[in-house]
Amino acid sequence: MVGVSATPLPIDEAVVHAVHDGRLDALEGAWRFLALAGGSAGLGVVLLAGCVLAWRRGGPRWLAFLIGAYAGTQVLFWSMKLVVDRPRPPPSLQLATVGSPSYPSGHAAIATAVAAALVIAAARARRPLVRRPLLALLVALPPVVGLSRIALGVHWATDVVGGALLGLGWVLLLAALVLPDHPAGAERGGRAPSPPVTVPGRSRAP
């Protein structure tokens, strides 16, 4: 089974060789750029911007959610790498040099976690012209980053799938634990609107 076996599966061999045979040398620069932009450092900068907005508009729970999505995914995928200790694809396929175990893909895990967390946050945006393109970009990010890792020859296909599932699962769990229960309460720090206060002889909304 994936995640408990250190050896690649037959589908891993098929996919990595298919991608290797079909990849164009002219795209090597693009794959390297995606690996850099979609890694922990690049996406950490993106998440930092999201944290600033979360603190200003969403309150401490949203800030904790975004930070937890990033930090928790880092802990999980590095721990799993040490436990599984799967070898990377053969050096003849690699266009980059990496020293850590292969499973799961940290790039895929972080890209998925950051994208999923920001999708959840962006879904609250009230401007469709801003929300829709942003959501489309975030949804496309993990597959593109994952493909770049296979094209560079540094990951098996199941490394990428495992990393993506790890990042997504963690973000969904964290959202259920941290974010407000009531969507209306998410407007300000996760607190639901207070009921109207009634005073003898008059009534007013706080």
C-alpha atoms as a PDB file:
ATOM      1  CA  MET A   1       0.000   0.000   0.000  1.00  0.00           C
ATOM      2  CA  VAL A   2       1.093   3.575  -0.628  1.00  0.00           C
ATOM      3  CA  GLY A   3       2.370   5.180   2.535  1.00  0.00           C
ATOM      4  CA  VAL A   4       3.660   1.959   4.099  1.00  0.00           C
ATOM      5  CA  SER A   5       5.832   0.640   1.271  1.00  0.00           C
ATOM      6  CA  ALA A   6       9.231   2.136   0.563  1.00  0.00           C
ATOM      7  CA  THR A   7       9.228   0.786  -2.986  1.00  0.00           C
ATOM      8  CA  PRO A   8       7.428   2.490  -5.898  1.00  0.00           C
ATOM      9  CA  LEU A   9       4.259   0.947  -7.283  1.00  0.00           C
ATOM     10  CA  PRO A  10       3.955  -0.186 -10.920  1.00  0.00           C
ATOM     11  CA  ILE A  11       1.909   2.919 -11.722  1.00  0.00           C
ATOM     12  CA  ASP A  12       4.760   5.043 -10.376  1.00  0.00           C
ATOM     13  CA  GLU A  13       7.201   3.519 -12.839  1.00  0.00           C
ATOM     14  CA  ALA A  14       4.769   3.976 -15.719  1.00  0.00           C
ATOM     15  CA  VAL A  15       3.915   7.605 -14.936  1.00  0.00           C
ATOM     16  CA  VAL A  16       7.424   8.818 -14.240  1.00  0.00           C
ATOM     17  CA  HIS A  17       8.791   7.273 -17.438  1.00  0.00           C
ATOM     18  CA  ALA A  18       5.874   8.608 -19.474  1.00  0.00           C
ATOM     19  CA  VAL A  19       6.433  12.106 -18.147  1.00  0.00           C
ATOM     20  CA  HIS A  20      10.195  11.778 -18.577  1.00  0.00           C
ATOM     21  CA  ASP A  21       9.878  10.647 -22.187  1.00  0.00           C
ATOM     22  CA  GLY A  22       7.408  13.420 -22.976  1.00  0.00           C
ATOM     23  CA  ARG A  23       8.993  16.320 -21.153  1.00  0.00           C
ATOM     24  CA  LEU A  24      10.650  18.995 -23.262  1.00  0.00           C
ATOM     25  CA  ASP A  25      14.079  20.330 -22.378  1.00  0.00           C
ATOM     26  CA  ALA A  26      12.804  23.817 -23.179  1.00  0.00           C
ATOM     27  CA  LEU A  27      10.380  23.504 -20.247  1.00  0.00           C
ATOM     28  CA  GLU A  28      13.056  22.665 -17.687  1.00  0.00           C
ATOM     29  CA  GLY A  29      13.248  26.300 -16.610  1.00  0.00           C
ATOM     30  CA  ALA A  30       9.478  26.373 -16.100  1.00  0.00           C
ATOM     31  CA  TRP A  31       9.571  23.193 -13.991  1.00  0.00           C
ATOM     32  CA  ARG A  32      12.334  24.655 -11.833  1.00  0.00           C
ATOM     33  CA  PHE A  33      10.451  27.923 -11.399  1.00  0.00           C
ATOM     34  CA  LEU A  34       7.324  26.042 -10.339  1.00  0.00           C
ATOM     35  CA  ALA A  35       9.367  24.000  -7.877  1.00  0.00           C
ATOM     36  CA  LEU A  36      10.718  27.220  -6.360  1.00  0.00           C
ATOM     37  CA  ALA A  37       7.454  29.174  -6.348  1.00  0.00           C
ATOM     38  CA  GLY A  38       5.443  26.160  -5.169  1.00  0.00           C
ATOM     39  CA  GLY A  39       7.810  25.189  -2.381  1.00  0.00           C
ATOM     40  CA  SER A  40       7.698  25.987   1.311  1.00  0.00           C
ATOM     41  CA  ALA A  41       9.467  29.350   0.941  1.00  0.00           C
ATOM     42  CA  GLY A  42       7.463  30.619  -2.030  1.00  0.00           C
ATOM     43  CA  LEU A  43       4.095  29.593  -0.675  1.00  0.00           C
ATOM     44  CA  GLY A  44       5.095  30.783   2.766  1.00  0.00           C
ATOM     45  CA  VAL A  45       5.288  34.322   1.357  1.00  0.00           C
ATOM     46  CA  VAL A  46       1.837  33.914  -0.214  1.00  0.00           C
ATOM     47  CA  LEU A  47       0.435  32.635   3.055  1.00  0.00           C
ATOM     48  CA  LEU A  48       2.009  35.526   4.938  1.00  0.00           C
ATOM     49  CA  ALA A  49      -0.008  37.957   2.838  1.00  0.00           C
ATOM     50  CA  GLY A  50      -3.100  35.911   3.606  1.00  0.00           C
ATOM     51  CA  CYS A  51      -2.285  36.074   7.316  1.00  0.00           C
ATOM     52  CA  VAL A  52      -2.146  39.880   7.196  1.00  0.00           C
ATOM     53  CA  LEU A  53      -5.606  40.006   5.643  1.00  0.00           C
ATOM     54  CA  ALA A  54      -6.895  37.377   8.062  1.00  0.00           C
ATOM     55  CA  TRP A  55      -5.721  39.391  11.046  1.00  0.00           C
ATOM     56  CA  ARG A  56      -7.262  42.601   9.741  1.00  0.00           C
ATOM     57  CA  ARG A  57     -10.574  41.214   8.509  1.00  0.00           C
ATOM     58  CA  GLY A  58     -11.156  37.759   9.928  1.00  0.00           C
ATOM     59  CA  GLY A  59      -9.849  37.849  13.472  1.00  0.00           C
ATOM     60  CA  PRO A  60      -7.546  35.536  15.436  1.00  0.00           C
ATOM     61  CA  ARG A  61      -9.296  32.285  14.518  1.00  0.00           C
ATOM     62  CA  TRP A  62      -8.702  32.790  10.819  1.00  0.00           C
ATOM     63  CA  LEU A  63      -5.105  33.754  11.496  1.00  0.00           C
ATOM     64  CA  ALA A  64      -4.606  30.605  13.585  1.00  0.00           C
ATOM     65  CA  PHE A  65      -6.221  28.553  10.831  1.00  0.00           C
ATOM     66  CA  LEU A  66      -3.849  29.793   8.111  1.00  0.00           C
ATOM     67  CA  ILE A  67      -0.733  29.457  10.253  1.00  0.00           C
ATOM     68  CA  GLY A  68      -1.813  26.025  11.464  1.00  0.00           C
ATOM     69  CA  ALA A  69      -2.472  24.863   7.912  1.00  0.00           C
ATOM     70  CA  TYR A  70       1.109  25.665   6.904  1.00  0.00           C
ATOM     71  CA  ALA A  71       2.955  24.633  10.053  1.00  0.00           C
ATOM     72  CA  GLY A  72       0.945  21.466  10.637  1.00  0.00           C
ATOM     73  CA  THR A  73       1.470  20.258   7.090  1.00  0.00           C
ATOM     74  CA  GLN A  74       5.214  20.781   7.446  1.00  0.00           C
ATOM     75  CA  VAL A  75       5.311  18.650  10.590  1.00  0.00           C
ATOM     76  CA  LEU A  76       3.151  15.922   9.083  1.00  0.00           C
ATOM     77  CA  PHE A  77       4.951  15.463   5.785  1.00  0.00           C
ATOM     78  CA  TRP A  78       8.435  15.541   7.317  1.00  0.00           C
ATOM     79  CA  SER A  79       7.371  12.993   9.928  1.00  0.00           C
ATOM     80  CA  MET A  80       5.916  10.741   7.246  1.00  0.00           C
ATOM     81  CA  LYS A  81       9.061  11.002   5.143  1.00  0.00           C
ATOM     82  CA  LEU A  82      11.130   9.711   8.044  1.00  0.00           C
ATOM     83  CA  VAL A  83       8.730   6.845   8.711  1.00  0.00           C
ATOM     84  CA  VAL A  84       8.280   5.638   5.111  1.00  0.00           C
ATOM     85  CA  ASP A  85      11.819   6.432   3.865  1.00  0.00           C
ATOM     86  CA  ARG A  86      11.011   5.755   0.203  1.00  0.00           C
ATOM     87  CA  PRO A  87      13.882   6.239  -2.275  1.00  0.00           C
ATOM     88  CA  ARG A  88      13.630   8.903  -4.968  1.00  0.00           C
ATOM     89  CA  PRO A  89      13.371   8.013  -8.663  1.00  0.00           C
ATOM     90  CA  PRO A  90      16.691   6.973 -10.216  1.00  0.00           C
ATOM     91  CA  PRO A  91      19.291   9.739 -10.727  1.00  0.00           C
ATOM     92  CA  SER A  92      19.084   9.261 -14.499  1.00  0.00           C
ATOM     93  CA  LEU A  93      15.592  10.803 -14.405  1.00  0.00           C
ATOM     94  CA  GLN A  94      16.375  13.654 -12.020  1.00  0.00           C
ATOM     95  CA  LEU A  95      16.847  17.230 -13.190  1.00  0.00           C
ATOM     96  CA  ALA A  96      17.337  18.435  -9.615  1.00  0.00           C
ATOM     97  CA  THR A  97      19.258  17.157  -6.613  1.00  0.00           C
ATOM     98  CA  VAL A  98      17.386  16.413  -3.388  1.00  0.00           C
ATOM     99  CA  GLY A  99      18.487  14.523  -0.326  1.00  0.00           C
ATOM    100  CA  SER A 100      15.321  13.769   1.636  1.00  0.00           C
ATOM    101  CA  PRO A 101      13.123  10.659   1.234  1.00  0.00           C
ATOM    102  CA  SER A 102      10.567  10.686  -1.550  1.00  0.00           C
ATOM    103  CA  TYR A 103       7.191   9.943   0.096  1.00  0.00           C
ATOM    104  CA  PRO A 104       5.183  12.085   0.455  1.00  0.00           C
ATOM    105  CA  SER A 105       5.926  15.080  -1.761  1.00  0.00           C
ATOM    106  CA  GLY A 106       6.407  18.068   0.500  1.00  0.00           C
ATOM    107  CA  HIS A 107       5.787  20.437  -2.416  1.00  0.00           C
ATOM    108  CA  ALA A 108       2.443  18.779  -3.173  1.00  0.00           C
ATOM    109  CA  ALA A 109       1.469  18.755   0.499  1.00  0.00           C
ATOM    110  CA  ILE A 110       2.274  22.422   1.078  1.00  0.00           C
ATOM    111  CA  ALA A 111       0.785  23.571  -2.239  1.00  0.00           C
ATOM    112  CA  THR A 112      -2.456  21.729  -1.488  1.00  0.00           C
ATOM    113  CA  ALA A 113      -2.640  22.880   2.122  1.00  0.00           C
ATOM    114  CA  VAL A 114      -1.993  26.530   1.309  1.00  0.00           C
ATOM    115  CA  ALA A 115      -4.338  26.477  -1.673  1.00  0.00           C
ATOM    116  CA  ALA A 116      -7.124  24.759   0.280  1.00  0.00           C
ATOM    117  CA  ALA A 117      -6.773  27.131   3.234  1.00  0.00           C
ATOM    118  CA  LEU A 118      -6.853  30.184   0.985  1.00  0.00           C
ATOM    119  CA  VAL A 119      -9.793  28.775  -0.994  1.00  0.00           C
ATOM    120  CA  ILE A 120     -11.760  28.496   2.247  1.00  0.00           C
ATOM    121  CA  ALA A 121     -10.821  32.081   3.119  1.00  0.00           C
ATOM    122  CA  ALA A 122     -11.376  33.454  -0.398  1.00  0.00           C
ATOM    123  CA  ALA A 123     -14.817  31.873  -0.590  1.00  0.00           C
ATOM    124  CA  ARG A 124     -15.932  34.532   1.898  1.00  0.00           C
ATOM    125  CA  ALA A 125     -15.012  37.371  -0.461  1.00  0.00           C
ATOM    126  CA  ARG A 126     -18.023  39.395  -1.533  1.00  0.00           C
ATOM    127  CA  ARG A 127     -16.679  40.482  -4.924  1.00  0.00           C
ATOM    128  CA  PRO A 128     -17.211  37.752  -7.567  1.00  0.00           C
ATOM    129  CA  LEU A 129     -14.829  39.439 -10.007  1.00  0.00           C
ATOM    130  CA  VAL A 130     -12.058  39.005  -7.434  1.00  0.00           C
ATOM    131  CA  ARG A 131     -13.184  35.722  -5.907  1.00  0.00           C
ATOM    132  CA  ARG A 132     -13.646  33.608  -9.038  1.00  0.00           C
ATOM    133  CA  PRO A 133     -10.239  34.158 -10.683  1.00  0.00           C
ATOM    134  CA  LEU A 134      -8.532  33.711  -7.324  1.00  0.00           C
ATOM    135  CA  LEU A 135     -10.339  30.447  -6.640  1.00  0.00           C
ATOM    136  CA  ALA A 136      -9.480  29.153 -10.128  1.00  0.00           C
ATOM    137  CA  LEU A 137      -5.805  29.997  -9.604  1.00  0.00           C
ATOM    138  CA  LEU A 138      -5.709  28.313  -6.201  1.00  0.00           C
ATOM    139  CA  VAL A 139      -7.442  25.154  -7.462  1.00  0.00           C
ATOM    140  CA  ALA A 140      -4.951  24.866 -10.340  1.00  0.00           C
ATOM    141  CA  LEU A 141      -1.898  25.367  -8.112  1.00  0.00           C
ATOM    142  CA  PRO A 142      -1.507  21.874  -6.540  1.00  0.00           C
ATOM    143  CA  PRO A 143      -1.783  19.855  -9.809  1.00  0.00           C
ATOM    144  CA  VAL A 144       0.704  22.123 -11.576  1.00  0.00           C
ATOM    145  CA  VAL A 145       3.186  21.972  -8.705  1.00  0.00           C
ATOM    146  CA  GLY A 146       2.758  18.209  -8.454  1.00  0.00           C
ATOM    147  CA  LEU A 147       3.376  17.755 -12.175  1.00  0.00           C
ATOM    148  CA  SER A 148       6.547  19.822 -11.915  1.00  0.00           C
ATOM    149  CA  ARG A 149       7.923  17.429  -9.272  1.00  0.00           C
ATOM    150  CA  ILE A 150       7.341  14.436 -11.513  1.00  0.00           C
ATOM    151  CA  ALA A 151       8.738  16.265 -14.560  1.00  0.00           C
ATOM    152  CA  LEU A 152      11.886  17.097 -12.619  1.00  0.00           C
ATOM    153  CA  GLY A 153      12.233  13.403 -11.848  1.00  0.00           C
ATOM    154  CA  VAL A 154      12.400  13.872  -8.075  1.00  0.00           C
ATOM    155  CA  HIS A 155       9.080  12.252  -7.128  1.00  0.00           C
ATOM    156  CA  TRP A 156       6.921   9.275  -7.980  1.00  0.00           C
ATOM    157  CA  ALA A 157       3.282   9.906  -8.871  1.00  0.00           C
ATOM    158  CA  THR A 158       2.044   8.400  -5.608  1.00  0.00           C
ATOM    159  CA  ASP A 159       4.371  10.728  -3.699  1.00  0.00           C
ATOM    160  CA  VAL A 160       2.477  13.628  -5.218  1.00  0.00           C
ATOM    161  CA  VAL A 161      -0.960  12.108  -4.617  1.00  0.00           C
ATOM    162  CA  GLY A 162      -0.057  11.194  -1.042  1.00  0.00           C
ATOM    163  CA  GLY A 163       1.256  14.677  -0.330  1.00  0.00           C
ATOM    164  CA  ALA A 164      -1.854  16.304  -1.783  1.00  0.00           C
ATOM    165  CA  LEU A 165      -4.180  14.104   0.270  1.00  0.00           C
ATOM    166  CA  LEU A 166      -2.128  14.777   3.395  1.00  0.00           C
ATOM    167  CA  GLY A 167      -2.306  18.544   2.943  1.00  0.00           C
ATOM    168  CA  LEU A 168      -6.001  18.548   2.079  1.00  0.00           C
ATOM    169  CA  GLY A 169      -6.961  16.236   4.927  1.00  0.00           C
ATOM    170  CA  TRP A 170      -5.094  18.310   7.477  1.00  0.00           C
ATOM    171  CA  VAL A 171      -6.667  21.588   6.318  1.00  0.00           C
ATOM    172  CA  LEU A 172     -10.190  20.157   6.398  1.00  0.00           C
ATOM    173  CA  LEU A 173      -9.637  18.766   9.884  1.00  0.00           C
ATOM    174  CA  LEU A 174      -8.163  22.044  11.078  1.00  0.00           C
ATOM    175  CA  ALA A 175     -11.053  24.014   9.587  1.00  0.00           C
ATOM    176  CA  ALA A 176     -13.530  21.855  11.488  1.00  0.00           C
ATOM    177  CA  LEU A 177     -11.622  22.411  14.741  1.00  0.00           C
ATOM    178  CA  VAL A 178     -10.674  26.079  14.512  1.00  0.00           C
ATOM    179  CA  LEU A 179     -13.047  28.013  12.307  1.00  0.00           C
ATOM    180  CA  PRO A 180     -16.352  29.433  13.544  1.00  0.00           C
ATOM    181  CA  ASP A 181     -19.393  27.165  13.499  1.00  0.00           C
ATOM    182  CA  HIS A 182     -21.713  29.799  12.086  1.00  0.00           C
ATOM    183  CA  PRO A 183     -20.855  31.375   8.705  1.00  0.00           C
ATOM    184  CA  ALA A 184     -22.384  34.644   9.818  1.00  0.00           C
ATOM    185  CA  GLY A 185     -20.095  34.689  12.786  1.00  0.00           C
ATOM    186  CA  ALA A 186     -17.040  34.499  10.559  1.00  0.00           C
ATOM    187  CA  GLU A 187     -17.430  38.143   9.617  1.00  0.00           C
ATOM    188  CA  ARG A 188     -15.762  39.320  12.779  1.00  0.00           C
ATOM    189  CA  GLY A 189     -13.439  37.011  14.608  1.00  0.00           C
ATOM    190  CA  GLY A 190     -15.801  34.046  14.548  1.00  0.00           C
ATOM    191  CA  ARG A 191     -18.461  35.529  16.808  1.00  0.00           C
ATOM    192  CA  ALA A 192     -22.117  35.122  15.900  1.00  0.00           C
ATOM    193  CA  PRO A 193     -24.179  38.329  15.798  1.00  0.00           C
ATOM    194  CA  SER A 194     -25.623  39.307  19.163  1.00  0.00           C
ATOM    195  CA  PRO A 195     -29.429  39.218  19.478  1.00  0.00           C
ATOM    196  CA  PRO A 196     -31.279  42.551  19.713  1.00  0.00           C
ATOM    197  CA  VAL A 197     -31.333  44.088  23.167  1.00  0.00           C
ATOM    198  CA  THR A 198     -34.809  45.022  24.421  1.00  0.00           C
ATOM    199  CA  VAL A 199     -35.215  47.866  26.912  1.00  0.00           C
ATOM    200  CA  PRO A 200     -38.562  48.682  28.495  1.00  0.00           C
ATOM    201  CA  GLY A 201     -40.284  51.259  26.357  1.00  0.00           C
ATOM    202  CA  ARG A 202     -37.870  50.938  23.412  1.00  0.00           C
ATOM    203  CA  SER A 203     -35.746  48.450  21.519  1.00  0.00           C
ATOM    204  CA  ARG A 204     -32.471  48.787  19.720  1.00  0.00           C
ATOM    205  CA  ALA A 205     -29.928  46.592  17.976  1.00  0.00           C
ATOM    206  CA  PRO A 206     -26.422  46.730  19.440  1.00  0.00           C
END
